[in-house]
PDB file of N, CA and C in Angstrom:
ATOM      1  N   MET A   1     -15.299  -9.940  15.120  1.00  0.00           N
ATOM      2  CA  MET A   1     -14.924  -8.935  14.158  1.00  0.00           C
ATOM      3  C   MET A   1     -13.504  -9.237  13.673  1.00  0.00           C
ATOM      4  N   ALA A   2     -13.320  -9.316  12.379  1.00  0.00           N
ATOM      5  CA  ALA A   2     -12.006  -9.597  11.807  1.00  0.00           C
ATOM      6  C   ALA A   2     -11.109  -8.369  11.924  1.00  0.00           C
ATOM      7  N   GLN A   3      -9.872  -8.615  12.318  1.00  0.00           N
ATOM      8  CA  GLN A   3      -8.925  -7.509  12.449  1.00  0.00           C
ATOM      9  C   GLN A   3      -8.197  -7.311  11.126  1.00  0.00           C
ATOM     10  N   GLN A   4      -8.122  -6.051  10.690  1.00  0.00           N
ATOM     11  CA  GLN A   4      -7.446  -5.718   9.438  1.00  0.00           C
ATOM     12  C   GLN A   4      -5.936  -5.834   9.622  1.00  0.00           C
ATOM     13  N   PRO A   5      -5.210  -6.170   8.547  1.00  0.00           N
ATOM     14  CA  PRO A   5      -3.753  -6.167   8.661  1.00  0.00           C
ATOM     15  C   PRO A   5      -3.270  -4.746   8.929  1.00  0.00           C
ATOM     16  N   PRO A   6      -2.118  -4.608   9.570  1.00  0.00           N
ATOM     17  CA  PRO A   6      -1.617  -3.257   9.855  1.00  0.00           C
ATOM     18  C   PRO A   6      -1.313  -2.500   8.572  1.00  0.00           C
ATOM     19  N   LEU A   7      -1.435  -1.196   8.628  1.00  0.00           N
ATOM     20  CA  LEU A   7      -1.136  -0.368   7.463  1.00  0.00           C
ATOM     21  C   LEU A   7       0.365  -0.308   7.247  1.00  0.00           C
ATOM     22  N   ASN A   8       0.772  -0.221   5.990  1.00  0.00           N
ATOM     23  CA  ASN A   8       2.173  -0.015   5.636  1.00  0.00           C
ATOM     24  C   ASN A   8       2.423   1.485   5.543  1.00  0.00           C
ATOM     25  N   PRO A   9       3.674   1.906   5.662  1.00  0.00           N
ATOM     26  CA  PRO A   9       3.966   3.343   5.606  1.00  0.00           C
ATOM     27  C   PRO A   9       3.446   4.050   4.359  1.00  0.00           C
ATOM     28  N   GLY A  10       3.352   3.351   3.240  1.00  0.00           N
ATOM     29  CA  GLY A  10       2.897   3.971   2.004  1.00  0.00           C
ATOM     30  C   GLY A  10       1.386   4.017   1.843  1.00  0.00           C
ATOM     31  N   ASP A  11       0.650   3.383   2.758  1.00  0.00           N
ATOM     32  CA  ASP A  11      -0.808   3.364   2.671  1.00  0.00           C
ATOM     33  C   ASP A  11      -1.387   4.697   3.134  1.00  0.00           C
ATOM     34  N   GLU A  12      -2.381   5.174   2.391  1.00  0.00           N
ATOM     35  CA  GLU A  12      -3.065   6.410   2.759  1.00  0.00           C
ATOM     36  C   GLU A  12      -4.370   6.129   3.496  1.00  0.00           C
ATOM     37  N   ALA A  13      -4.878   4.889   3.408  1.00  0.00           N
ATOM     38  CA  ALA A  13      -6.143   4.526   4.047  1.00  0.00           C
ATOM     39  C   ALA A  13      -6.167   3.021   4.260  1.00  0.00           C
ATOM     40  N   GLU A  14      -7.119   2.553   5.078  1.00  0.00           N
ATOM     41  CA  GLU A  14      -7.302   1.123   5.275  1.00  0.00           C
ATOM     42  C   GLU A  14      -7.960   0.521   4.038  1.00  0.00           C
ATOM     43  N   PRO A  15      -7.671  -0.751   3.732  1.00  0.00           N
ATOM     44  CA  PRO A  15      -8.317  -1.395   2.594  1.00  0.00           C
ATOM     45  C   PRO A  15      -9.840  -1.355   2.728  1.00  0.00           C
ATOM     46  N   GLY A  16     -10.531  -1.071   1.638  1.00  0.00           N
ATOM     47  CA  GLY A  16     -11.983  -1.074   1.613  1.00  0.00           C
ATOM     48  C   GLY A  16     -12.634   0.242   1.975  1.00  0.00           C
ATOM     49  N   VAL A  17     -11.850   1.240   2.356  1.00  0.00           N
ATOM     50  CA  VAL A  17     -12.415   2.544   2.697  1.00  0.00           C
ATOM     51  C   VAL A  17     -12.922   3.205   1.413  1.00  0.00           C
ATOM     52  N   PRO A  18     -14.153   3.715   1.415  1.00  0.00           N
ATOM     53  CA  PRO A  18     -14.654   4.397   0.208  1.00  0.00           C
ATOM     54  C   PRO A  18     -13.711   5.528  -0.211  1.00  0.00           C
ATOM     55  N   GLY A  19     -13.491   5.635  -1.506  1.00  0.00           N
ATOM     56  CA  GLY A  19     -12.604   6.667  -2.027  1.00  0.00           C
ATOM     57  C   GLY A  19     -11.146   6.256  -2.017  1.00  0.00           C
ATOM     58  N   SER A  20     -10.881   4.958  -1.800  1.00  0.00           N
ATOM     59  CA  SER A  20      -9.506   4.471  -1.834  1.00  0.00           C
ATOM     60  C   SER A  20      -9.426   3.246  -2.729  1.00  0.00           C
ATOM     61  N   GLY A  21      -8.224   2.929  -3.165  1.00  0.00           N
ATOM     62  CA  GLY A  21      -8.021   1.762  -4.006  1.00  0.00           C
ATOM     63  C   GLY A  21      -6.575   1.320  -3.972  1.00  0.00           C
ATOM     64  N   GLU A  22      -6.350   0.104  -4.408  1.00  0.00           N
ATOM     65  CA  GLU A  22      -5.017  -0.468  -4.424  1.00  0.00           C
ATOM     66  C   GLU A  22      -4.247   0.047  -5.631  1.00  0.00           C
ATOM     67  N   ASP A  23      -2.959   0.307  -5.442  1.00  0.00           N
ATOM     68  CA  ASP A  23      -2.101   0.765  -6.531  1.00  0.00           C
ATOM     69  C   ASP A  23      -0.727   0.139  -6.331  1.00  0.00           C
ATOM     70  N   LEU A  24       0.081   0.127  -7.390  1.00  0.00           N
ATOM     71  CA  LEU A  24       1.448  -0.358  -7.270  1.00  0.00           C
ATOM     72  C   LEU A  24       2.246   0.587  -6.394  1.00  0.00           C
ATOM     73  N   CYS A  25       3.129   0.041  -5.602  1.00  0.00           N
ATOM     74  CA  CYS A  25       3.983   0.848  -4.750  1.00  0.00           C
ATOM     75  C   CYS A  25       4.880   1.727  -5.625  1.00  0.00           C
ATOM     76  N   PRO A  26       4.914   3.032  -5.362  1.00  0.00           N
ATOM     77  CA  PRO A  26       5.724   3.922  -6.189  1.00  0.00           C
ATOM     78  C   PRO A  26       7.225   3.764  -5.954  1.00  0.00           C
ATOM     79  N   ASP A  27       7.619   3.194  -4.822  1.00  0.00           N
ATOM     80  CA  ASP A  27       9.045   3.080  -4.513  1.00  0.00           C
ATOM     81  C   ASP A  27       9.693   1.819  -5.075  1.00  0.00           C
ATOM     82  N   CYS A  28       8.956   0.707  -5.125  1.00  0.00           N
ATOM     83  CA  CYS A  28       9.532  -0.540  -5.658  1.00  0.00           C
ATOM     84  C   CYS A  28       8.886  -0.951  -6.971  1.00  0.00           C
ATOM     85  N   ASN A  29       7.965  -0.138  -7.467  1.00  0.00           N
ATOM     86  CA  ASN A  29       7.251  -0.416  -8.725  1.00  0.00           C
ATOM     87  C   ASN A  29       6.538  -1.760  -8.711  1.00  0.00           C
ATOM     88  N   GLY A  30       6.041  -2.150  -7.534  1.00  0.00           N
ATOM     89  CA  GLY A  30       5.252  -3.375  -7.433  1.00  0.00           C
ATOM     90  C   GLY A  30       6.041  -4.642  -7.200  1.00  0.00           C
ATOM     91  N   SER A  31       7.363  -4.553  -7.083  1.00  0.00           N
ATOM     92  CA  SER A  31       8.166  -5.765  -6.892  1.00  0.00           C
ATOM     93  C   SER A  31       8.177  -6.234  -5.438  1.00  0.00           C
ATOM     94  N   GLY A  32       7.951  -5.322  -4.493  1.00  0.00           N
ATOM     95  CA  GLY A  32       8.006  -5.675  -3.083  1.00  0.00           C
ATOM     96  C   GLY A  32       9.415  -5.640  -2.507  1.00  0.00           C
ATOM     97  N   LYS A  33      10.400  -5.368  -3.352  1.00  0.00           N
ATOM     98  CA  LYS A  33      11.790  -5.329  -2.903  1.00  0.00           C
ATOM     99  C   LYS A  33      12.453  -4.029  -3.343  1.00  0.00           C
ATOM    100  N   GLN A  34      13.382  -3.573  -2.501  1.00  0.00           N
ATOM    101  CA  GLN A  34      14.165  -2.382  -2.801  1.00  0.00           C
ATOM    102  C   GLN A  34      15.584  -2.641  -2.314  1.00  0.00           C
ATOM    103  N   ASP A  35      16.544  -2.498  -3.203  1.00  0.00           N
ATOM    104  CA  ASP A  35      17.958  -2.733  -2.863  1.00  0.00           C
ATOM    105  C   ASP A  35      18.182  -4.113  -2.250  1.00  0.00           C
ATOM    106  N   GLY A  36      17.484  -5.125  -2.763  1.00  0.00           N
ATOM    107  CA  GLY A  36      17.658  -6.495  -2.308  1.00  0.00           C
ATOM    108  C   GLY A  36      16.975  -6.835  -1.001  1.00  0.00           C
ATOM    109  N   ALA A  37      16.216  -5.895  -0.441  1.00  0.00           N
ATOM    110  CA  ALA A  37      15.515  -6.133   0.821  1.00  0.00           C
ATOM    111  C   ALA A  37      14.030  -5.824   0.635  1.00  0.00           C
ATOM    112  N   GLU A  38      13.219  -6.209   1.626  1.00  0.00           N
ATOM    113  CA  GLU A  38      11.789  -5.921   1.593  1.00  0.00           C
ATOM    114  C   GLU A  38      11.577  -4.408   1.530  1.00  0.00           C
ATOM    115  N   CYS A  39      10.709  -3.971   0.638  1.00  0.00           N
ATOM    116  CA  CYS A  39      10.401  -2.552   0.508  1.00  0.00           C
ATOM    117  C   CYS A  39       9.703  -2.079   1.774  1.00  0.00           C
ATOM    118  N   LYS A  40      10.209  -1.014   2.372  1.00  0.00           N
ATOM    119  CA  LYS A  40       9.621  -0.494   3.611  1.00  0.00           C
ATOM    120  C   LYS A  40       8.317   0.260   3.361  1.00  0.00           C
ATOM    121  N   THR A  41       8.131   0.795   2.165  1.00  0.00           N
ATOM    122  CA  THR A  41       6.927   1.566   1.865  1.00  0.00           C
ATOM    123  C   THR A  41       5.690   0.682   1.816  1.00  0.00           C
ATOM    124  N   CYS A  42       5.794  -0.482   1.177  1.00  0.00           N
ATOM    125  CA  CYS A  42       4.636  -1.362   1.007  1.00  0.00           C
ATOM    126  C   CYS A  42       4.694  -2.601   1.892  1.00  0.00           C
ATOM    127  N   GLY A  43       5.749  -2.742   2.668  1.00  0.00           N
ATOM    128  CA  GLY A  43       5.872  -3.919   3.533  1.00  0.00           C
ATOM    129  C   GLY A  43       6.124  -5.192   2.765  1.00  0.00           C
ATOM    130  N   GLY A  44       6.643  -5.083   1.537  1.00  0.00           N
ATOM    131  CA  GLY A  44       6.953  -6.243   0.723  1.00  0.00           C
ATOM    132  C   GLY A  44       5.801  -6.762  -0.104  1.00  0.00           C
ATOM    133  N   THR A  45       4.656  -6.088  -0.071  1.00  0.00           N
ATOM    134  CA  THR A  45       3.499  -6.556  -0.834  1.00  0.00           C
ATOM    135  C   THR A  45       3.526  -6.082  -2.279  1.00  0.00           C
ATOM    136  N   GLY A  46       4.219  -4.969  -2.538  1.00  0.00           N
ATOM    137  CA  GLY A  46       4.231  -4.392  -3.878  1.00  0.00           C
ATOM    138  C   GLY A  46       3.026  -3.501  -4.146  1.00  0.00           C
ATOM    139  N   LYS A  47       2.147  -3.361  -3.122  1.00  0.00           N
ATOM    140  CA  LYS A  47       0.913  -2.582  -3.301  1.00  0.00           C
ATOM    141  C   LYS A  47       0.736  -1.613  -2.139  1.00  0.00           C
ATOM    142  N   VAL A  48       0.121  -0.479  -2.422  1.00  0.00           N
ATOM    143  CA  VAL A  48      -0.247   0.493  -1.394  1.00  0.00           C
ATOM    144  C   VAL A  48      -1.706   0.879  -1.604  1.00  0.00           C
ATOM    145  N   ILE A  49      -2.351   1.346  -0.558  1.00  0.00           N
ATOM    146  CA  ILE A  49      -3.734   1.827  -0.647  1.00  0.00           C
ATOM    147  C   ILE A  49      -3.680   3.344  -0.813  1.00  0.00           C
ATOM    148  N   GLN A  50      -4.202   3.843  -1.921  1.00  0.00           N
ATOM    149  CA  GLN A  50      -4.144   5.259  -2.262  1.00  0.00           C
ATOM    150  C   GLN A  50      -5.555   5.854  -2.274  1.00  0.00           C
ATOM    151  N   GLY A  51      -5.615   7.136  -2.003  1.00  0.00           N
ATOM    152  CA  GLY A  51      -6.862   7.854  -2.196  1.00  0.00           C
ATOM    153  C   GLY A  51      -7.095   8.044  -3.695  1.00  0.00           C
ATOM    154  N   ILE A  52      -8.320   7.849  -4.154  1.00  0.00           N
ATOM    155  CA  ILE A  52      -8.612   8.020  -5.576  1.00  0.00           C
ATOM    156  C   ILE A  52      -9.691   9.075  -5.746  1.00  0.00           C
ATOM    157  N   GLY A  53      -9.792   9.574  -6.928  1.00  0.00           N
ATOM    158  CA  GLY A  53     -10.796  10.604  -7.217  1.00  0.00           C
ATOM    159  C   GLY A  53     -10.295  11.979  -6.838  1.00  0.00           C
ATOM    160  N   GLY A  54     -11.105  12.944  -6.993  1.00  0.00           N
ATOM    161  CA  GLY A  54     -10.727  14.310  -6.656  1.00  0.00           C
ATOM    162  C   GLY A  54     -11.833  14.939  -5.835  1.00  0.00           C
ATOM    163  N   GLY A  55     -11.481  16.042  -5.251  1.00  0.00           N
ATOM    164  CA  GLY A  55     -12.508  16.601  -4.431  1.00  0.00           C
ATOM    165  C   GLY A  55     -12.450  18.070  -4.303  1.00  0.00           C
TER     166      GLY A  55
END
């Protein structure tokens, strides 16, 4: 069984979970950097996993 990468602080769900999708990190606007360092919200990826849809 393949192990998923660890979640970043800005992730709301694991990748591939139904009702979730990838989005640009709201704190670094997708750059992966904040104040010259790796963005802590997205772990430097520039992306976060967000819940989508409404309920």
